[in-house]
């Protein structure tokens, strides 16, 4: 049977997390289909059809899907779930909101946050904040899976030629309603898609120092700005900058950590980065255990020096 990927999109284009999820679906074997559930989402459907490795795209268009409410999206998935052996969601806020509802309705166990497909019924996923890897085998007829996108390379966004099929959108369930959204405007790359991330920790001491020291370096590198949980809790940085087990899981080409000690919670969110640079005046800081390059120095001196030399 085929695998179904639930696309992450903004109704006009496909978000990068979908591409990593397609790669995981291909590894499961069989054809890969993509469901684009939205409102006026024809353009997103066309973009999905261009993804290499996708055989068919199903576009479900309905006003009830305009705001991606979990109950409505789950109901849409369930209308076609019986045609698939695997249903895969990116392990994003949206995917993790819908997947449990689908699994519960199908009466199957959800397989969460996979980082590797061993076979059609066997997967790897991190546990204990990434300090151990569990191998999970499922005998369920339908595998409902969330995919840790940093564990899989992105499928090529162009070059595919999938067929596009329209499906009737579901009616509004009435179980939830969209009230409003406060969208933070940010010219920087989104953390989960950024190739370079500059992160600061509690050692910066204040929101003003965070901006003064870290922002120029991020500007020079055209990098995303991240923060440790301690820095976020202290009010030095907004919540959506948090990197870690309870924040965002990232795997950029370059991750620069300044003033971050390296608690397990933080390491779980960034240790798959290709190159890690750590700046900390404590030579015993755990961050150095995962760093490719470590500099034992005062970040208030080292970071500005680094910024001026780039």
Protein backbone atom coordinates (compact mmCIF):
# COMPACT_ATOMS: atom_id res chain seq x y z
CA UNK A 1 0.00 0.00 0.00
CA UNK A 2 0.97 3.62 -0.39
CA UNK A 3 2.19 6.15 2.19
CA UNK A 4 0.36 9.43 2.76
CA UNK A 5 2.19 12.61 3.76
CA UNK A 6 0.12 15.38 5.34
CA UNK A 7 1.58 18.56 3.88
CA UNK A 8 2.56 21.53 5.98
CA UNK A 9 1.68 24.61 3.93
CA UNK A 10 0.40 28.18 3.94
CA UNK A 11 -2.25 27.48 1.28
CA UNK A 12 -0.01 29.03 -1.40
CA UNK A 13 3.27 27.14 -0.96
CA UNK A 14 4.68 24.04 0.69
CA UNK A 15 6.73 24.45 3.86
CA UNK A 16 10.19 22.84 4.06
CA UNK A 17 9.16 20.32 6.76
CA UNK A 18 7.01 18.58 4.15
CA UNK A 19 10.07 17.80 2.03
CA UNK A 20 11.82 15.97 4.88
CA UNK A 21 8.64 14.04 5.62
CA UNK A 22 8.40 12.94 1.98
CA UNK A 23 11.91 11.47 2.26
CA UNK A 24 10.80 9.45 5.29
CA UNK A 25 7.69 8.28 3.41
CA UNK A 26 9.79 7.13 0.45
CA UNK A 27 11.90 5.02 2.83
CA UNK A 28 8.72 3.24 4.00
CA UNK A 29 8.31 1.73 0.52
CA UNK A 30 5.50 1.95 -1.99
CA UNK A 31 4.03 5.02 -3.65
CA UNK A 32 4.02 8.34 -1.84
CA UNK A 33 0.92 10.53 -1.94
CA UNK A 34 0.58 14.01 -0.42
CA UNK A 35 -2.57 15.49 1.09
CA UNK A 36 -2.90 19.27 0.89
CA UNK A 37 -5.84 20.20 3.12
CA UNK A 38 -6.61 23.90 2.98
CA UNK A 39 -8.70 26.70 1.53
CA UNK A 40 -7.89 28.05 -1.94
CA UNK A 41 -4.86 25.78 -1.79
CA UNK A 42 -4.53 24.97 -5.50
CA UNK A 43 -1.11 26.64 -5.69
CA UNK A 44 0.16 24.62 -2.75
CA UNK A 45 -1.14 21.50 -4.52
CA UNK A 46 0.81 22.41 -7.66
CA UNK A 47 3.95 22.93 -5.59
CA UNK A 48 3.46 19.54 -3.90
CA UNK A 49 3.15 17.89 -7.32
CA UNK A 50 6.65 19.12 -8.16
CA UNK A 51 8.28 17.30 -5.23
CA UNK A 52 10.54 14.51 -6.43
CA UNK A 53 9.29 11.06 -5.45
CA UNK A 54 5.62 12.00 -5.04
CA UNK A 55 3.21 10.00 -7.22
CA UNK A 56 -0.09 11.74 -6.41
CA UNK A 57 -1.30 14.89 -4.69
CA UNK A 58 -4.77 15.12 -3.18
CA UNK A 59 -6.06 18.67 -2.71
CA UNK A 60 -8.97 19.06 -0.30
CA UNK A 61 -10.37 22.57 -0.49
CA UNK A 62 -12.88 23.83 2.06
CA UNK A 63 -13.48 26.95 4.18
CA UNK A 64 -13.36 24.64 7.21
CA UNK A 65 -9.67 24.02 6.47
CA UNK A 66 -8.69 27.67 6.13
CA UNK A 67 -7.04 27.87 9.54
CA UNK A 68 -5.77 24.28 9.81
CA UNK A 69 -7.87 23.51 12.88
CA UNK A 70 -6.74 20.12 14.13
CA UNK A 71 -10.21 18.59 14.39
CA UNK A 72 -11.09 19.46 10.81
CA UNK A 73 -7.74 18.42 9.33
CA UNK A 74 -7.91 15.10 11.21
CA UNK A 75 -11.42 14.49 9.84
CA UNK A 76 -10.10 15.17 6.33
CA UNK A 77 -7.27 12.69 6.78
CA UNK A 78 -9.67 10.05 8.05
CA UNK A 79 -11.78 10.23 4.88
CA UNK A 80 -8.91 8.62 2.95
CA UNK A 81 -6.90 6.92 5.72
CA UNK A 82 -8.14 3.46 4.74
CA UNK A 83 -6.19 3.64 1.48
CA UNK A 84 -2.80 3.87 3.17
CA UNK A 85 -0.46 1.71 5.20
CA UNK A 86 1.51 4.70 6.49
CA UNK A 87 0.29 8.21 7.35
CA UNK A 88 3.14 10.61 8.06
CA UNK A 89 3.11 14.08 9.60
CA UNK A 90 6.05 16.43 10.10
CA UNK A 91 6.82 16.67 13.81
CA UNK A 92 5.84 20.33 13.96
CA UNK A 93 3.29 22.05 16.15
CA UNK A 94 0.65 21.43 13.48
CA UNK A 95 1.60 17.82 12.82
CA UNK A 96 1.75 16.95 16.50
CA UNK A 97 -1.69 18.48 16.96
CA UNK A 98 -3.38 16.42 14.25
CA UNK A 99 -1.56 13.06 14.35
CA UNK A 100 -2.81 11.89 17.79
CA UNK A 101 -6.40 12.57 16.75
CA UNK A 102 -5.97 10.44 13.63
CA UNK A 103 -4.26 7.64 15.57
CA UNK A 104 -6.98 7.62 18.22
CA UNK A 105 -9.79 7.43 15.66
CA UNK A 106 -8.00 4.58 13.86
CA UNK A 107 -7.36 2.86 17.22
CA UNK A 108 -3.64 2.50 16.54
CA UNK A 109 -0.51 3.53 18.42
CA UNK A 110 1.17 6.69 17.20
CA UNK A 111 4.87 6.32 16.36
CA UNK A 112 6.37 9.63 17.38
CA UNK A 113 9.36 11.65 16.24
CA UNK A 114 11.10 9.03 14.08
CA UNK A 115 14.62 9.75 12.86
CA UNK A 116 15.18 6.63 10.75
CA UNK A 117 13.14 4.08 8.80
CA UNK A 118 14.64 0.61 9.17
CA UNK A 119 11.83 -1.19 7.35
CA UNK A 120 8.15 -0.71 6.61
CA UNK A 121 7.21 -1.62 10.20
CA UNK A 122 10.37 -0.72 12.16
CA UNK A 123 11.64 2.74 13.03
CA UNK A 124 14.15 4.54 15.23
CA UNK A 125 13.25 7.41 17.54
CA UNK A 126 15.18 9.29 20.25
CA UNK A 127 14.20 8.94 23.91
CA UNK A 128 15.55 10.39 27.17
CA UNK A 129 16.25 13.78 25.55
CA UNK A 130 18.12 12.10 22.74
CA UNK A 131 20.52 10.21 24.99
CA UNK A 132 19.19 6.85 23.78
CA UNK A 133 17.68 5.63 20.52
CA UNK A 134 14.69 3.28 20.68
CA UNK A 135 13.91 0.84 17.88
CA UNK A 136 10.13 0.58 17.55
CA UNK A 137 8.26 -2.09 15.60
CA UNK A 138 4.53 -1.75 14.91
CA UNK A 139 2.09 -4.48 13.95
CA UNK A 140 -0.74 -2.01 13.33
CA UNK A 141 -2.32 -2.16 9.90
CA UNK A 142 -1.95 1.62 9.60
CA UNK A 143 1.15 3.31 10.93
CA UNK A 144 0.52 6.88 12.08
CA UNK A 145 3.91 8.56 12.30
CA UNK A 146 5.39 11.93 13.15
CA UNK A 147 8.75 12.63 11.56
CA UNK A 148 11.58 14.57 13.19
CA UNK A 149 12.52 16.57 10.13
CA UNK A 150 16.15 17.03 11.14
CA UNK A 151 16.60 13.26 10.85
CA UNK A 152 15.91 13.17 7.10
CA UNK A 153 17.29 15.05 4.12
CA UNK A 154 14.79 17.21 2.29
CA UNK A 155 13.33 15.78 -0.91
CA UNK A 156 14.00 17.86 -4.01
CA UNK A 157 11.27 20.47 -4.33
CA UNK A 158 11.27 20.44 -8.14
CA UNK A 159 11.46 17.90 -10.91
CA UNK A 160 8.49 15.77 -9.89
CA UNK A 161 5.37 15.26 -11.99
CA UNK A 162 2.69 13.92 -9.66
CA UNK A 163 -0.93 13.79 -10.69
CA UNK A 164 -3.23 16.18 -8.83
CA UNK A 165 -6.62 14.97 -7.66
CA UNK A 166 -9.30 17.10 -6.01
CA UNK A 167 -11.20 15.79 -3.00
CA UNK A 168 -14.27 17.17 -1.29
CA UNK A 169 -13.40 19.09 1.84
CA UNK A 170 -14.99 18.12 5.12
CA UNK A 171 -17.59 20.22 6.87
CA UNK A 172 -16.64 22.17 9.96
CA UNK A 173 -16.75 19.87 13.00
CA UNK A 174 -17.88 22.71 15.26
CA UNK A 175 -15.53 21.48 17.99
CA UNK A 176 -13.19 24.44 17.77
CA UNK A 177 -13.13 27.88 16.20
CA UNK A 178 -10.44 30.20 14.96
CA UNK A 179 -10.45 33.38 17.03
CA UNK A 180 -7.34 35.20 15.85
CA UNK A 181 -3.60 35.06 15.40
CA UNK A 182 -0.72 37.29 16.44
CA UNK A 183 2.00 36.65 13.90
CA UNK A 184 5.51 37.77 14.79
CA UNK A 185 7.19 39.50 11.86
CA UNK A 186 10.79 38.41 11.40
CA UNK A 187 13.14 39.09 8.53
CA UNK A 188 15.51 36.40 9.75
CA UNK A 189 15.43 32.80 8.54
CA UNK A 190 12.99 30.53 10.42
CA UNK A 191 14.98 28.54 12.99
CA UNK A 192 13.95 25.11 11.74
CA UNK A 193 14.98 26.03 8.17
CA UNK A 194 18.02 28.25 8.85
CA UNK A 195 21.42 27.10 7.58
CA UNK A 196 23.20 29.12 10.28
CA UNK A 197 21.95 29.74 13.82
CA UNK A 198 23.48 31.98 16.47
CA UNK A 199 22.22 31.22 19.99
CA UNK A 200 22.73 32.95 23.29
CA UNK A 201 22.35 31.79 26.86
CA UNK A 202 21.68 33.06 30.35
CA UNK A 203 25.27 34.34 30.64
CA UNK A 204 24.30 37.33 28.49
CA UNK A 205 22.59 38.77 31.57
CA UNK A 206 19.82 40.86 30.01
CA UNK A 207 17.66 41.31 26.93
CA UNK A 208 19.63 44.46 26.10
CA UNK A 209 22.95 42.62 26.16
CA UNK A 210 21.44 39.78 24.12
CA UNK A 211 20.50 42.27 21.41
CA UNK A 212 23.75 44.20 21.67
CA UNK A 213 26.06 41.18 21.46
CA UNK A 214 24.23 38.52 19.45
CA UNK A 215 22.26 40.51 16.87
CA UNK A 216 25.30 41.97 15.02
CA UNK A 217 26.80 38.50 14.60
CA UNK A 218 23.51 37.10 13.33
CA UNK A 219 23.22 40.03 10.91
CA UNK A 220 26.71 39.43 9.55
CA UNK A 221 26.01 35.73 8.97
CA UNK A 222 22.37 36.17 7.85
CA UNK A 223 21.62 33.67 10.61
CA UNK A 224 18.60 32.72 12.64
CA UNK A 225 18.65 33.84 16.28
CA UNK A 226 18.17 31.18 18.95
CA UNK A 227 18.30 31.01 22.72
CA UNK A 228 18.55 28.51 25.53
CA UNK A 229 15.54 27.83 27.71
CA UNK A 230 17.25 29.64 30.60
CA UNK A 231 17.61 32.78 28.46
CA UNK A 232 13.98 32.59 27.37
CA UNK A 233 12.72 32.00 30.91
CA UNK A 234 14.74 35.00 32.08
CA UNK A 235 13.08 37.17 29.44
CA UNK A 236 16.20 37.79 27.36
CA UNK A 237 14.63 36.33 24.20
CA UNK A 238 11.11 35.47 22.96
CA UNK A 239 9.67 31.96 23.26
CA UNK A 240 9.86 31.23 19.54
CA UNK A 241 13.65 31.52 19.69
CA UNK A 242 14.00 28.66 22.17
CA UNK A 243 16.11 25.74 20.98
CA UNK A 244 15.83 22.48 22.89
CA UNK A 245 13.69 19.54 23.81
CA UNK A 246 10.76 21.79 24.75
CA UNK A 247 11.61 24.33 22.05
CA UNK A 248 12.65 23.85 18.44
CA UNK A 249 14.72 20.96 17.15
CA UNK A 250 17.28 22.30 14.69
CA UNK A 251 20.09 20.91 12.56
CA UNK A 252 21.71 23.79 10.67
CA UNK A 253 25.01 23.66 8.80
CA UNK A 254 26.54 25.89 11.51
CA UNK A 255 25.38 26.40 15.10
CA UNK A 256 27.15 28.99 17.27
CA UNK A 257 26.38 28.78 20.99
CA UNK A 258 27.54 31.70 23.13
CA UNK A 259 27.16 31.64 26.89
CA UNK A 260 25.21 28.37 26.81
CA UNK A 261 26.32 25.77 29.36
CA UNK A 262 24.81 22.86 27.45
CA UNK A 263 22.04 21.38 29.60
CA UNK A 264 20.57 18.13 28.28
CA UNK A 265 17.38 19.99 27.35
CA UNK A 266 19.30 22.28 25.01
CA UNK A 267 21.62 19.64 23.56
CA UNK A 268 18.61 17.55 22.56
CA UNK A 269 17.53 20.36 20.25
CA UNK A 270 20.78 21.13 18.43
CA UNK A 271 23.33 18.34 18.69
CA UNK A 272 22.55 17.10 15.15
CA UNK A 273 23.91 20.37 13.73
CA UNK A 274 26.63 19.76 11.14
CA UNK A 275 29.21 22.05 12.78
CA UNK A 276 28.88 23.31 16.38
CA UNK A 277 30.93 26.21 17.73
CA UNK A 278 30.79 26.86 21.47
CA UNK A 279 31.97 30.00 23.28
CA UNK A 280 31.96 29.76 27.06
CA UNK A 281 34.35 30.91 29.80
CA UNK A 282 33.75 27.68 31.77
CA UNK A 283 36.03 25.06 30.25
CA UNK A 284 34.01 22.32 31.98
CA UNK A 285 30.72 23.37 30.35
CA UNK A 286 28.87 20.35 28.87
CA UNK A 287 28.39 22.21 25.56
CA UNK A 288 32.04 21.46 24.75
CA UNK A 289 31.27 17.72 24.71
CA UNK A 290 29.26 18.12 21.49
CA UNK A 291 31.15 21.07 19.98
CA UNK A 292 33.36 20.67 16.93
CA UNK A 293 35.13 23.90 17.86
CA UNK A 294 35.30 25.27 21.38
CA UNK A 295 36.58 28.64 22.58
CA UNK A 296 37.11 29.15 26.31
CA UNK A 297 36.63 32.91 26.51
CA UNK A 298 34.44 35.72 27.76
CA UNK A 299 31.60 35.95 25.24
CA UNK A 300 31.39 39.74 25.69
CA UNK A 301 34.88 39.95 24.22
CA UNK A 302 34.92 36.97 21.86
CA UNK A 303 31.58 37.50 20.08
CA UNK A 304 32.21 41.15 19.10
CA UNK A 305 35.72 40.19 17.93
CA UNK A 306 34.24 37.41 15.83
CA UNK A 307 31.66 39.79 14.39
CA UNK A 308 34.27 42.36 13.34
CA UNK A 309 36.49 39.76 11.67
CA UNK A 310 33.79 38.24 9.47
